[in-house]
Amino acid sequence: MPSTDLLLALLAAALVVAYMPGPALLYAAAQTLARGRRAGLMAALGLHIGGYVHVIAAAAGLSALLHAAPAMYTILKLIGAGYLIYLGGGMLLRAMTANQVVEKPVVVNSTTARQVFAESVVVEILNPKTALFFIAFLPQFVDPAAQFPLWIQFLILGTLVNLVLASADLLCVFCAGIFIDRLRQSSRIARLAEGLGGGLLITLGVNIAMQRSQ
């Protein structure tokens, strides 16, 4: 295992990265805004599970392929951006076509929760910046002289970082949920919130698509 000093440095750096406003926090906030706290929690869980795909890829050295092949990075980035725009467009469409006659609280059922979870896993897997983050960040904290081989160290350190990232997403969902759960008791406000959430996802997708390749 890396030394205690290295682990503390890793956690400190991960906390700084995790709690800086970024795409993951914006995505979690958008899902909470559009569908409520339960959906936000499922989104955070989906992002967390998807993050382990990148941790495993970093441990196997696969993430380095994205750095070595700019075209592959660009393709993955555009697919991910397009998927975000697709999800946001669906939210906007539902908000605009929802029945405005019946006023009742909006409830996220188990099917919707599973859908949000699955969508969020895909969103995170299709984020090439996460892959490059792990492959650039983790090597600074591995110890070649440690008892465990490097790939195990990558898995351990990547898991720790992913947990820290998840804590920021959960805090974002909790804070947004304090306000939105009460507001969503009105179906009219719920539709407006879903439209705003969809707009956020579309904006996020467009921003990612327009970013320069690494």
N, C-alpha and C. Protein backbone atom coordinates (compact mmCIF):
# COMPACT_ATOMS: atom_id res chain seq x y z
N MET A 1 0.83 -1.20 0.00
CA MET A 1 0.00 0.00 0.00
C MET A 1 0.87 1.26 0.00
N PRO A 2 0.38 2.33 -0.60
CA PRO A 2 1.10 3.60 -0.50
C PRO A 2 1.18 4.05 0.95
N SER A 3 2.10 4.93 1.24
CA SER A 3 2.26 5.41 2.60
C SER A 3 1.07 6.25 3.04
N THR A 4 0.98 6.45 4.36
CA THR A 4 -0.11 7.26 4.91
C THR A 4 -0.07 8.68 4.36
N ASP A 5 1.12 9.22 4.21
CA ASP A 5 1.25 10.58 3.67
C ASP A 5 0.69 10.68 2.26
N LEU A 6 0.98 9.65 1.46
CA LEU A 6 0.46 9.65 0.09
C LEU A 6 -1.06 9.55 0.07
N LEU A 7 -1.61 8.71 0.94
CA LEU A 7 -3.06 8.56 1.00
C LEU A 7 -3.74 9.85 1.43
N LEU A 8 -3.17 10.52 2.42
CA LEU A 8 -3.74 11.79 2.88
C LEU A 8 -3.66 12.84 1.78
N ALA A 9 -2.55 12.86 1.05
CA ALA A 9 -2.42 13.79 -0.06
C ALA A 9 -3.45 13.48 -1.15
N LEU A 10 -3.65 12.19 -1.40
CA LEU A 10 -4.65 11.76 -2.39
C LEU A 10 -6.04 12.24 -2.00
N LEU A 11 -6.43 12.01 -0.75
CA LEU A 11 -7.77 12.40 -0.29
C LEU A 11 -7.95 13.91 -0.33
N ALA A 12 -6.91 14.66 0.06
CA ALA A 12 -7.00 16.11 0.03
C ALA A 12 -7.19 16.62 -1.40
N ALA A 13 -6.40 16.07 -2.33
CA ALA A 13 -6.52 16.48 -3.73
C ALA A 13 -7.87 16.07 -4.30
N ALA A 14 -8.34 14.87 -3.94
CA ALA A 14 -9.63 14.40 -4.44
C ALA A 14 -10.77 15.26 -3.94
N LEU A 15 -10.69 15.71 -2.69
CA LEU A 15 -11.73 16.58 -2.14
C LEU A 15 -11.80 17.90 -2.90
N VAL A 16 -10.65 18.45 -3.23
CA VAL A 16 -10.62 19.71 -3.98
C VAL A 16 -11.27 19.53 -5.35
N VAL A 17 -10.89 18.44 -6.03
CA VAL A 17 -11.44 18.17 -7.37
C VAL A 17 -12.94 17.89 -7.29
N ALA A 18 -13.36 17.09 -6.31
CA ALA A 18 -14.75 16.64 -6.22
C ALA A 18 -15.71 17.79 -5.96
N TYR A 19 -15.30 18.74 -5.12
CA TYR A 19 -16.23 19.79 -4.70
C TYR A 19 -16.12 21.05 -5.53
N MET A 20 -15.32 21.02 -6.57
CA MET A 20 -15.33 22.12 -7.53
C MET A 20 -16.50 21.89 -8.50
N PRO A 21 -17.29 22.92 -8.80
CA PRO A 21 -18.41 22.75 -9.73
C PRO A 21 -17.94 22.18 -11.06
N GLY A 22 -18.60 21.13 -11.50
CA GLY A 22 -18.22 20.49 -12.75
C GLY A 22 -19.40 19.74 -13.35
N PRO A 23 -19.17 19.01 -14.45
CA PRO A 23 -20.26 18.31 -15.15
C PRO A 23 -21.03 17.33 -14.27
N ALA A 24 -20.34 16.57 -13.41
CA ALA A 24 -21.04 15.58 -12.58
C ALA A 24 -22.01 16.25 -11.61
N LEU A 25 -21.56 17.32 -10.96
CA LEU A 25 -22.44 18.03 -10.03
C LEU A 25 -23.61 18.66 -10.77
N LEU A 26 -23.34 19.21 -11.95
CA LEU A 26 -24.42 19.82 -12.73
C LEU A 26 -25.42 18.77 -13.17
N TYR A 27 -24.93 17.60 -13.57
CA TYR A 27 -25.83 16.52 -13.99
C TYR A 27 -26.70 16.06 -12.83
N ALA A 28 -26.09 15.84 -11.65
CA ALA A 28 -26.86 15.40 -10.48
C ALA A 28 -27.89 16.44 -10.10
N ALA A 29 -27.50 17.71 -10.17
CA ALA A 29 -28.45 18.79 -9.84
C ALA A 29 -29.60 18.83 -10.84
N ALA A 30 -29.29 18.63 -12.12
CA ALA A 30 -30.32 18.66 -13.16
C ALA A 30 -31.33 17.54 -12.97
N GLN A 31 -30.84 16.34 -12.65
CA GLN A 31 -31.75 15.22 -12.43
C GLN A 31 -32.62 15.46 -11.19
N THR A 32 -32.04 16.04 -10.14
CA THR A 32 -32.81 16.34 -8.94
C THR A 32 -33.86 17.39 -9.24
N LEU A 33 -33.46 18.41 -9.98
CA LEU A 33 -34.38 19.48 -10.34
C LEU A 33 -35.53 18.96 -11.19
N ALA A 34 -35.21 18.08 -12.13
CA ALA A 34 -36.22 17.60 -13.06
C ALA A 34 -37.13 16.54 -12.46
N ARG A 35 -36.61 15.67 -11.58
CA ARG A 35 -37.38 14.50 -11.16
C ARG A 35 -37.45 14.31 -9.65
N GLY A 36 -36.80 15.17 -8.87
CA GLY A 36 -36.88 15.04 -7.43
C GLY A 36 -35.66 14.38 -6.80
N ARG A 37 -35.66 14.35 -5.46
CA ARG A 37 -34.49 13.87 -4.73
C ARG A 37 -34.20 12.41 -5.00
N ARG A 38 -35.24 11.57 -5.08
CA ARG A 38 -35.00 10.15 -5.31
C ARG A 38 -34.28 9.92 -6.63
N ALA A 39 -34.72 10.62 -7.66
CA ALA A 39 -34.05 10.50 -8.96
C ALA A 39 -32.63 11.02 -8.87
N GLY A 40 -32.43 12.10 -8.12
CA GLY A 40 -31.09 12.64 -7.95
C GLY A 40 -30.16 11.64 -7.28
N LEU A 41 -30.68 10.94 -6.27
CA LEU A 41 -29.88 9.92 -5.58
C LEU A 41 -29.53 8.77 -6.53
N MET A 42 -30.48 8.37 -7.36
CA MET A 42 -30.21 7.31 -8.32
C MET A 42 -29.20 7.77 -9.37
N ALA A 43 -29.27 9.06 -9.73
CA ALA A 43 -28.30 9.60 -10.67
C ALA A 43 -26.90 9.58 -10.07
N ALA A 44 -26.79 9.99 -8.81
CA ALA A 44 -25.49 9.98 -8.13
C ALA A 44 -24.95 8.55 -8.03
N LEU A 45 -25.83 7.60 -7.73
CA LEU A 45 -25.40 6.20 -7.66
C LEU A 45 -24.94 5.71 -9.02
N GLY A 46 -25.67 6.06 -10.07
CA GLY A 46 -25.29 5.66 -11.42
C GLY A 46 -23.93 6.23 -11.83
N LEU A 47 -23.70 7.50 -11.51
CA LEU A 47 -22.41 8.11 -11.80
C LEU A 47 -21.29 7.39 -11.05
N HIS A 48 -21.58 7.02 -9.80
CA HIS A 48 -20.59 6.33 -8.98
C HIS A 48 -20.24 4.97 -9.57
N ILE A 49 -21.26 4.19 -9.93
CA ILE A 49 -21.00 2.87 -10.51
C ILE A 49 -20.28 3.00 -11.85
N GLY A 50 -20.69 3.95 -12.66
CA GLY A 50 -20.02 4.17 -13.93
C GLY A 50 -18.56 4.55 -13.75
N GLY A 51 -18.26 5.24 -12.64
CA GLY A 51 -16.89 5.63 -12.36
C GLY A 51 -15.97 4.44 -12.18
N TYR A 52 -16.52 3.33 -11.68
CA TYR A 52 -15.68 2.14 -11.48
C TYR A 52 -15.21 1.54 -12.81
N VAL A 53 -15.98 1.77 -13.87
CA VAL A 53 -15.53 1.32 -15.19
C VAL A 53 -14.22 2.02 -15.54
N HIS A 54 -14.14 3.31 -15.24
CA HIS A 54 -12.93 4.07 -15.53
C HIS A 54 -11.79 3.69 -14.59
N VAL A 55 -12.13 3.36 -13.34
CA VAL A 55 -11.10 2.91 -12.40
C VAL A 55 -10.46 1.62 -12.91
N ILE A 56 -11.31 0.67 -13.32
CA ILE A 56 -10.81 -0.61 -13.83
C ILE A 56 -10.01 -0.39 -15.12
N ALA A 57 -10.51 0.51 -15.97
CA ALA A 57 -9.80 0.78 -17.23
C ALA A 57 -8.42 1.39 -16.94
N ALA A 58 -8.36 2.27 -15.94
CA ALA A 58 -7.07 2.88 -15.58
C ALA A 58 -6.12 1.82 -15.04
N ALA A 59 -6.65 0.92 -14.22
CA ALA A 59 -5.80 -0.14 -13.66
C ALA A 59 -5.28 -1.06 -14.75
N ALA A 60 -6.08 -1.26 -15.78
CA ALA A 60 -5.67 -2.14 -16.89
C ALA A 60 -4.86 -1.41 -17.95
N GLY A 61 -4.73 -0.09 -17.80
CA GLY A 61 -3.98 0.69 -18.78
C GLY A 61 -4.78 1.07 -20.01
N LEU A 62 -6.09 0.76 -20.00
CA LEU A 62 -6.90 1.03 -21.19
C LEU A 62 -7.16 2.52 -21.39
N SER A 63 -7.24 3.28 -20.28
CA SER A 63 -7.53 4.71 -20.40
C SER A 63 -6.44 5.44 -21.17
N ALA A 64 -5.22 4.89 -21.13
CA ALA A 64 -4.12 5.53 -21.85
C ALA A 64 -4.38 5.56 -23.35
N LEU A 65 -5.24 4.65 -23.84
CA LEU A 65 -5.55 4.63 -25.27
C LEU A 65 -6.24 5.92 -25.70
N LEU A 66 -7.07 6.48 -24.81
CA LEU A 66 -7.77 7.72 -25.15
C LEU A 66 -6.78 8.87 -25.28
N HIS A 67 -5.75 8.84 -24.45
CA HIS A 67 -4.74 9.89 -24.52
C HIS A 67 -3.88 9.73 -25.78
N ALA A 68 -3.65 8.49 -26.16
CA ALA A 68 -2.80 8.23 -27.32
C ALA A 68 -3.56 8.34 -28.63
N ALA A 69 -4.88 8.25 -28.57
CA ALA A 69 -5.68 8.29 -29.80
C ALA A 69 -6.71 9.41 -29.69
N PRO A 70 -6.34 10.63 -30.12
CA PRO A 70 -7.25 11.78 -30.02
C PRO A 70 -8.59 11.56 -30.74
N ALA A 71 -8.57 10.83 -31.85
CA ALA A 71 -9.81 10.59 -32.58
C ALA A 71 -10.79 9.77 -31.75
N MET A 72 -10.27 8.77 -31.03
CA MET A 72 -11.12 7.96 -30.18
C MET A 72 -11.71 8.79 -29.05
N TYR A 73 -10.89 9.68 -28.50
CA TYR A 73 -11.37 10.58 -27.44
C TYR A 73 -12.50 11.46 -27.97
N THR A 74 -12.31 12.03 -29.15
CA THR A 74 -13.32 12.93 -29.72
C THR A 74 -14.62 12.19 -30.00
N ILE A 75 -14.52 10.99 -30.54
CA ILE A 75 -15.72 10.21 -30.84
C ILE A 75 -16.50 9.90 -29.57
N LEU A 76 -15.79 9.45 -28.53
CA LEU A 76 -16.45 9.13 -27.27
C LEU A 76 -17.07 10.37 -26.65
N LYS A 77 -16.35 11.49 -26.73
CA LYS A 77 -16.86 12.75 -26.18
C LYS A 77 -18.15 13.17 -26.88
N LEU A 78 -18.18 13.08 -28.21
CA LEU A 78 -19.36 13.49 -28.96
C LEU A 78 -20.54 12.56 -28.72
N ILE A 79 -20.27 11.27 -28.57
CA ILE A 79 -21.36 10.34 -28.24
C ILE A 79 -21.94 10.67 -26.88
N GLY A 80 -21.08 10.92 -25.90
CA GLY A 80 -21.55 11.28 -24.57
C GLY A 80 -22.32 12.59 -24.57
N ALA A 81 -21.82 13.58 -25.31
CA ALA A 81 -22.52 14.86 -25.39
C ALA A 81 -23.88 14.70 -26.05
N GLY A 82 -23.91 13.92 -27.11
CA GLY A 82 -25.18 13.67 -27.79
C GLY A 82 -26.19 12.97 -26.90
N TYR A 83 -25.70 12.06 -26.06
CA TYR A 83 -26.59 11.35 -25.15
C TYR A 83 -27.17 12.31 -24.11
N LEU A 84 -26.36 13.22 -23.60
CA LEU A 84 -26.86 14.22 -22.66
C LEU A 84 -27.93 15.12 -23.31
N ILE A 85 -27.66 15.53 -24.54
CA ILE A 85 -28.63 16.36 -25.26
C ILE A 85 -29.93 15.58 -25.49
N TYR A 86 -29.80 14.30 -25.80
CA TYR A 86 -30.98 13.45 -25.99
C TYR A 86 -31.80 13.36 -24.70
N LEU A 87 -31.13 13.14 -23.58
CA LEU A 87 -31.84 13.06 -22.30
C LEU A 87 -32.51 14.39 -21.96
N GLY A 88 -31.77 15.48 -22.15
CA GLY A 88 -32.34 16.80 -21.88
C GLY A 88 -33.51 17.12 -22.78
N GLY A 89 -33.41 16.74 -24.04
CA GLY A 89 -34.52 16.97 -24.96
C GLY A 89 -35.76 16.19 -24.56
N GLY A 90 -35.56 14.96 -24.06
CA GLY A 90 -36.70 14.18 -23.59
C GLY A 90 -37.39 14.84 -22.41
N MET A 91 -36.59 15.40 -21.50
CA MET A 91 -37.18 16.10 -20.35
C MET A 91 -37.98 17.32 -20.81
N LEU A 92 -37.40 18.09 -21.73
CA LEU A 92 -38.11 19.27 -22.24
C LEU A 92 -39.41 18.88 -22.93
N LEU A 93 -39.36 17.81 -23.71
CA LEU A 93 -40.56 17.37 -24.43
C LEU A 93 -41.65 16.95 -23.45
N ARG A 94 -41.26 16.18 -22.41
CA ARG A 94 -42.26 15.77 -21.40
C ARG A 94 -42.84 16.99 -20.68
N ALA A 95 -41.99 17.96 -20.39
CA ALA A 95 -42.46 19.15 -19.68
C ALA A 95 -43.44 19.95 -20.53
N MET A 96 -43.23 19.98 -21.84
CA MET A 96 -44.08 20.78 -22.72
C MET A 96 -45.38 20.07 -23.08
N THR A 97 -45.38 18.73 -23.03
CA THR A 97 -46.56 17.99 -23.47
C THR A 97 -47.34 17.39 -22.31
N ALA A 98 -46.91 17.62 -21.07
CA ALA A 98 -47.59 17.05 -19.91
C ALA A 98 -48.99 17.62 -19.78
N ASN A 99 -49.88 16.79 -19.26
CA ASN A 99 -51.26 17.22 -19.02
C ASN A 99 -51.28 18.30 -17.96
N GLN A 100 -51.84 19.45 -18.27
CA GLN A 100 -51.86 20.56 -17.33
C GLN A 100 -53.18 20.69 -16.59
N VAL A 101 -54.05 19.70 -16.71
CA VAL A 101 -55.37 19.80 -16.08
C VAL A 101 -55.34 19.32 -14.64
N VAL A 102 -54.73 18.19 -14.39
CA VAL A 102 -54.75 17.60 -13.06
C VAL A 102 -53.55 18.08 -12.26
N GLU A 103 -53.80 18.65 -11.11
CA GLU A 103 -52.75 19.10 -10.21
C GLU A 103 -52.54 18.06 -9.14
N LYS A 104 -51.42 17.40 -9.12
CA LYS A 104 -51.12 16.41 -8.09
C LYS A 104 -49.62 16.26 -7.96
N PRO A 105 -49.17 15.79 -6.81
CA PRO A 105 -47.72 15.63 -6.62
C PRO A 105 -47.14 14.67 -7.65
N VAL A 106 -45.93 14.95 -8.07
CA VAL A 106 -45.24 14.10 -9.02
C VAL A 106 -44.39 13.10 -8.25
N VAL A 107 -44.59 11.82 -8.56
CA VAL A 107 -43.89 10.76 -7.83
C VAL A 107 -42.96 10.02 -8.79
N VAL A 108 -41.74 9.81 -8.36
CA VAL A 108 -40.79 9.02 -9.14
C VAL A 108 -40.95 7.56 -8.74
N ASN A 109 -41.48 6.72 -9.64
CA ASN A 109 -41.69 5.32 -9.30
C ASN A 109 -40.41 4.52 -9.50
N SER A 110 -40.48 3.24 -9.19
CA SER A 110 -39.29 2.39 -9.25
C SER A 110 -38.76 2.25 -10.68
N THR A 111 -39.69 2.25 -11.65
CA THR A 111 -39.26 2.13 -13.05
C THR A 111 -38.47 3.36 -13.47
N THR A 112 -38.98 4.55 -13.12
CA THR A 112 -38.27 5.79 -13.44
C THR A 112 -36.92 5.83 -12.74
N ALA A 113 -36.89 5.39 -11.48
CA ALA A 113 -35.63 5.40 -10.72
C ALA A 113 -34.60 4.49 -11.38
N ARG A 114 -35.02 3.31 -11.82
CA ARG A 114 -34.10 2.40 -12.50
C ARG A 114 -33.62 3.01 -13.82
N GLN A 115 -34.53 3.71 -14.50
CA GLN A 115 -34.16 4.34 -15.77
C GLN A 115 -33.11 5.44 -15.54
N VAL A 116 -33.32 6.26 -14.52
CA VAL A 116 -32.36 7.31 -14.19
C VAL A 116 -31.00 6.70 -13.84
N PHE A 117 -31.02 5.61 -13.06
CA PHE A 117 -29.77 4.94 -12.69
C PHE A 117 -29.03 4.46 -13.93
N ALA A 118 -29.75 3.76 -14.82
CA ALA A 118 -29.12 3.22 -16.03
C ALA A 118 -28.58 4.34 -16.92
N GLU A 119 -29.38 5.41 -17.08
CA GLU A 119 -28.93 6.54 -17.90
C GLU A 119 -27.65 7.15 -17.33
N SER A 120 -27.60 7.25 -16.00
CA SER A 120 -26.45 7.89 -15.36
C SER A 120 -25.19 7.05 -15.48
N VAL A 121 -25.34 5.73 -15.41
CA VAL A 121 -24.19 4.85 -15.62
C VAL A 121 -23.63 5.07 -17.02
N VAL A 122 -24.52 5.12 -18.01
CA VAL A 122 -24.09 5.32 -19.40
C VAL A 122 -23.42 6.69 -19.57
N VAL A 123 -24.02 7.73 -18.96
CA VAL A 123 -23.45 9.07 -19.05
C VAL A 123 -22.01 9.09 -18.53
N GLU A 124 -21.77 8.43 -17.40
CA GLU A 124 -20.43 8.44 -16.82
C GLU A 124 -19.45 7.60 -17.66
N ILE A 125 -19.91 6.46 -18.16
CA ILE A 125 -19.03 5.63 -18.98
C ILE A 125 -18.62 6.36 -20.26
N LEU A 126 -19.53 7.16 -20.81
CA LEU A 126 -19.25 7.87 -22.06
C LEU A 126 -18.52 9.18 -21.85
N ASN A 127 -18.06 9.43 -20.63
CA ASN A 127 -17.33 10.68 -20.34
C ASN A 127 -15.83 10.41 -20.41
N PRO A 128 -15.17 10.78 -21.51
CA PRO A 128 -13.74 10.48 -21.64
C PRO A 128 -12.88 11.28 -20.68
N LYS A 129 -13.39 12.43 -20.21
CA LYS A 129 -12.62 13.23 -19.27
C LYS A 129 -12.42 12.49 -17.95
N THR A 130 -13.40 11.67 -17.57
CA THR A 130 -13.24 10.89 -16.35
C THR A 130 -12.12 9.87 -16.52
N ALA A 131 -12.07 9.24 -17.68
CA ALA A 131 -11.01 8.26 -17.95
C ALA A 131 -9.64 8.92 -17.89
N LEU A 132 -9.51 10.09 -18.53
CA LEU A 132 -8.23 10.78 -18.53
C LEU A 132 -7.88 11.30 -17.14
N PHE A 133 -8.90 11.68 -16.37
CA PHE A 133 -8.64 12.15 -15.01
C PHE A 133 -7.98 11.05 -14.18
N PHE A 134 -8.54 9.85 -14.23
CA PHE A 134 -7.98 8.77 -13.43
C PHE A 134 -6.58 8.39 -13.89
N ILE A 135 -6.36 8.35 -15.19
CA ILE A 135 -5.05 7.92 -15.69
C ILE A 135 -3.99 9.00 -15.43
N ALA A 136 -4.41 10.27 -15.31
CA ALA A 136 -3.46 11.35 -15.02
C ALA A 136 -3.28 11.57 -13.52
N PHE A 137 -4.33 11.31 -12.76
CA PHE A 137 -4.33 11.63 -11.34
C PHE A 137 -3.72 10.54 -10.48
N LEU A 138 -4.12 9.30 -10.72
CA LEU A 138 -3.71 8.21 -9.83
C LEU A 138 -2.22 7.90 -9.83
N PRO A 139 -1.53 7.95 -10.99
CA PRO A 139 -0.10 7.60 -10.96
C PRO A 139 0.74 8.45 -10.02
N GLN A 140 0.26 9.65 -9.69
CA GLN A 140 1.01 10.52 -8.80
C GLN A 140 1.06 9.98 -7.37
N PHE A 141 0.17 9.01 -7.07
CA PHE A 141 0.05 8.56 -5.69
C PHE A 141 0.36 7.07 -5.51
N VAL A 142 0.74 6.39 -6.57
CA VAL A 142 1.13 4.99 -6.43
C VAL A 142 2.59 4.90 -6.00
N ASP A 143 2.92 3.82 -5.34
CA ASP A 143 4.27 3.61 -4.83
C ASP A 143 4.86 2.36 -5.48
N PRO A 144 5.79 2.50 -6.42
CA PRO A 144 6.37 1.34 -7.10
C PRO A 144 7.07 0.37 -6.14
N ALA A 145 7.48 0.89 -4.97
CA ALA A 145 8.18 0.04 -4.01
C ALA A 145 7.24 -0.64 -3.02
N ALA A 146 5.94 -0.39 -3.16
CA ALA A 146 4.98 -0.96 -2.22
C ALA A 146 4.82 -2.46 -2.43
N GLN A 147 4.24 -3.12 -1.44
CA GLN A 147 4.08 -4.58 -1.50
C GLN A 147 3.10 -4.99 -2.59
N PHE A 148 2.01 -4.23 -2.76
CA PHE A 148 1.00 -4.56 -3.76
C PHE A 148 1.46 -4.14 -5.15
N PRO A 149 1.09 -4.91 -6.18
CA PRO A 149 1.42 -4.50 -7.55
C PRO A 149 0.68 -3.22 -7.93
N LEU A 150 1.14 -2.59 -8.99
CA LEU A 150 0.59 -1.29 -9.37
C LEU A 150 -0.89 -1.36 -9.69
N TRP A 151 -1.34 -2.42 -10.35
CA TRP A 151 -2.74 -2.47 -10.76
C TRP A 151 -3.66 -2.56 -9.55
N ILE A 152 -3.22 -3.23 -8.48
CA ILE A 152 -4.03 -3.28 -7.26
C ILE A 152 -4.06 -1.90 -6.59
N GLN A 153 -2.92 -1.23 -6.60
CA GLN A 153 -2.88 0.12 -6.05
C GLN A 153 -3.82 1.04 -6.82
N PHE A 154 -3.84 0.89 -8.15
CA PHE A 154 -4.76 1.69 -8.97
C PHE A 154 -6.21 1.44 -8.55
N LEU A 155 -6.55 0.19 -8.33
CA LEU A 155 -7.93 -0.14 -7.95
C LEU A 155 -8.27 0.44 -6.58
N ILE A 156 -7.36 0.32 -5.63
CA ILE A 156 -7.62 0.83 -4.28
C ILE A 156 -7.74 2.35 -4.28
N LEU A 157 -6.76 3.00 -4.88
CA LEU A 157 -6.77 4.46 -4.90
C LEU A 157 -7.94 4.99 -5.74
N GLY A 158 -8.23 4.32 -6.85
CA GLY A 158 -9.35 4.74 -7.68
C GLY A 158 -10.67 4.62 -6.96
N THR A 159 -10.82 3.57 -6.16
CA THR A 159 -12.04 3.39 -5.37
C THR A 159 -12.18 4.51 -4.35
N LEU A 160 -11.10 4.87 -3.69
CA LEU A 160 -11.13 5.96 -2.71
C LEU A 160 -11.53 7.28 -3.37
N VAL A 161 -10.92 7.56 -4.51
CA VAL A 161 -11.25 8.79 -5.22
C VAL A 161 -12.71 8.78 -5.68
N ASN A 162 -13.17 7.65 -6.19
CA ASN A 162 -14.55 7.56 -6.65
C ASN A 162 -15.54 7.77 -5.51
N LEU A 163 -15.21 7.29 -4.32
CA LEU A 163 -16.07 7.52 -3.15
C LEU A 163 -16.12 9.00 -2.78
N VAL A 164 -14.98 9.67 -2.87
CA VAL A 164 -14.95 11.10 -2.58
C VAL A 164 -15.79 11.87 -3.61
N LEU A 165 -15.66 11.50 -4.87
CA LEU A 165 -16.46 12.14 -5.92
C LEU A 165 -17.95 11.93 -5.67
N ALA A 166 -18.31 10.72 -5.23
CA ALA A 166 -19.71 10.41 -4.96
C ALA A 166 -20.24 11.24 -3.80
N SER A 167 -19.40 11.51 -2.80
CA SER A 167 -19.85 12.31 -1.66
C SER A 167 -20.26 13.71 -2.10
N ALA A 168 -19.53 14.27 -3.07
CA ALA A 168 -19.88 15.60 -3.58
C ALA A 168 -21.21 15.55 -4.33
N ASP A 169 -21.41 14.49 -5.14
CA ASP A 169 -22.67 14.36 -5.87
C ASP A 169 -23.85 14.23 -4.90
N LEU A 170 -23.66 13.43 -3.84
CA LEU A 170 -24.73 13.24 -2.87
C LEU A 170 -25.05 14.53 -2.13
N LEU A 171 -24.04 15.30 -1.78
CA LEU A 171 -24.27 16.58 -1.10
C LEU A 171 -25.03 17.53 -2.01
N CYS A 172 -24.68 17.53 -3.30
CA CYS A 172 -25.38 18.37 -4.27
C CYS A 172 -26.85 17.98 -4.36
N VAL A 173 -27.11 16.67 -4.44
CA VAL A 173 -28.49 16.17 -4.51
C VAL A 173 -29.26 16.54 -3.24
N PHE A 174 -28.63 16.39 -2.09
CA PHE A 174 -29.29 16.69 -0.83
C PHE A 174 -29.67 18.17 -0.75
N CYS A 175 -28.73 19.04 -1.12
CA CYS A 175 -29.01 20.48 -1.05
C CYS A 175 -30.11 20.88 -2.03
N ALA A 176 -30.03 20.36 -3.26
CA ALA A 176 -31.06 20.69 -4.25
C ALA A 176 -32.41 20.11 -3.84
N GLY A 177 -32.37 18.91 -3.23
CA GLY A 177 -33.62 18.25 -2.84
C GLY A 177 -34.37 18.96 -1.73
N ILE A 178 -33.65 19.67 -0.87
CA ILE A 178 -34.30 20.41 0.22
C ILE A 178 -35.34 21.37 -0.33
N PHE A 179 -34.99 22.01 -1.44
CA PHE A 179 -35.89 23.00 -2.03
C PHE A 179 -36.86 22.39 -3.04
N ILE A 180 -36.36 21.49 -3.87
CA ILE A 180 -37.18 21.05 -5.00
C ILE A 180 -38.28 20.10 -4.58
N ASP A 181 -38.08 19.28 -3.52
CA ASP A 181 -39.12 18.33 -3.12
C ASP A 181 -40.40 19.04 -2.70
N ARG A 182 -40.27 20.17 -2.05
CA ARG A 182 -41.46 20.94 -1.67
C ARG A 182 -42.11 21.60 -2.87
N LEU A 183 -41.29 22.17 -3.74
CA LEU A 183 -41.84 22.85 -4.90
C LEU A 183 -42.56 21.91 -5.84
N ARG A 184 -42.07 20.66 -5.92
CA ARG A 184 -42.63 19.70 -6.87
C ARG A 184 -43.98 19.14 -6.43
N GLN A 185 -44.50 19.57 -5.29
CA GLN A 185 -45.84 19.14 -4.91
C GLN A 185 -46.89 19.68 -5.88
N SER A 186 -46.56 20.72 -6.59
CA SER A 186 -47.43 21.25 -7.65
C SER A 186 -46.97 20.69 -8.97
N SER A 187 -47.88 20.10 -9.74
CA SER A 187 -47.49 19.53 -11.02
C SER A 187 -47.03 20.61 -11.99
N ARG A 188 -47.56 21.82 -11.86
CA ARG A 188 -47.12 22.90 -12.74
C ARG A 188 -45.67 23.26 -12.48
N ILE A 189 -45.32 23.38 -11.22
CA ILE A 189 -43.93 23.68 -10.88
C ILE A 189 -43.04 22.50 -11.23
N ALA A 190 -43.58 21.28 -11.06
CA ALA A 190 -42.80 20.09 -11.40
C ALA A 190 -42.44 20.08 -12.89
N ARG A 191 -43.42 20.47 -13.74
CA ARG A 191 -43.14 20.53 -15.17
C ARG A 191 -42.09 21.59 -15.48
N LEU A 192 -42.20 22.74 -14.80
CA LEU A 192 -41.22 23.80 -15.00
C LEU A 192 -39.83 23.32 -14.57
N ALA A 193 -39.77 22.62 -13.43
CA ALA A 193 -38.49 22.12 -12.93
C ALA A 193 -37.90 21.09 -13.89
N GLU A 194 -38.76 20.23 -14.46
CA GLU A 194 -38.26 19.24 -15.41
C GLU A 194 -37.73 19.91 -16.66
N GLY A 195 -38.43 20.96 -17.09
CA GLY A 195 -37.95 21.70 -18.25
C GLY A 195 -36.60 22.36 -18.00
N LEU A 196 -36.45 22.93 -16.80
CA LEU A 196 -35.18 23.55 -16.44
C LEU A 196 -34.06 22.51 -16.36
N GLY A 197 -34.39 21.35 -15.78
CA GLY A 197 -33.41 20.28 -15.70
C GLY A 197 -33.00 19.81 -17.09
N GLY A 198 -33.98 19.68 -17.98
CA GLY A 198 -33.66 19.30 -19.35
C GLY A 198 -32.78 20.32 -20.04
N GLY A 199 -33.08 21.60 -19.79
CA GLY A 199 -32.26 22.66 -20.37
C GLY A 199 -30.82 22.61 -19.87
N LEU A 200 -30.66 22.28 -18.59
CA LEU A 200 -29.31 22.15 -18.03
C LEU A 200 -28.53 21.01 -18.71
N LEU A 201 -29.21 19.88 -18.92
CA LEU A 201 -28.54 18.75 -19.57
C LEU A 201 -28.16 19.08 -21.01
N ILE A 202 -29.05 19.77 -21.73
CA ILE A 202 -28.73 20.17 -23.10
C ILE A 202 -27.54 21.12 -23.12
N THR A 203 -27.55 22.10 -22.19
CA THR A 203 -26.44 23.04 -22.10
C THR A 203 -25.14 22.33 -21.80
N LEU A 204 -25.20 21.36 -20.87
CA LEU A 204 -24.02 20.59 -20.51
C LEU A 204 -23.51 19.80 -21.71
N GLY A 205 -24.43 19.15 -22.44
CA GLY A 205 -24.04 18.38 -23.61
C GLY A 205 -23.40 19.23 -24.70
N VAL A 206 -23.98 20.40 -24.96
CA VAL A 206 -23.42 21.30 -25.97
C VAL A 206 -22.03 21.78 -25.54
N ASN A 207 -21.90 22.11 -24.24
CA ASN A 207 -20.61 22.59 -23.74
C ASN A 207 -19.52 21.53 -23.89
N ILE A 208 -19.87 20.27 -23.56
CA ILE A 208 -18.91 19.19 -23.70
C ILE A 208 -18.53 18.97 -25.16
N ALA A 209 -19.53 19.02 -26.03
CA ALA A 209 -19.27 18.80 -27.45
C ALA A 209 -18.35 19.88 -28.04
N MET A 210 -18.43 21.10 -27.53
CA MET A 210 -17.66 22.20 -28.08
C MET A 210 -16.28 22.34 -27.45
N GLN A 211 -16.02 21.59 -26.39
CA GLN A 211 -14.71 21.66 -25.76
C GLN A 211 -13.65 21.07 -26.68
N ARG A 212 -12.49 21.64 -26.62
CA ARG A 212 -11.38 21.15 -27.44
C ARG A 212 -10.93 19.80 -26.95
N SER A 213 -10.52 18.93 -27.88
CA SER A 213 -9.99 17.62 -27.51
C SER A 213 -8.69 17.77 -26.78
N GLN A 214 -8.42 16.72 -25.94
CA GLN A 214 -7.20 16.78 -25.14
C GLN A 214 -5.99 16.46 -26.00
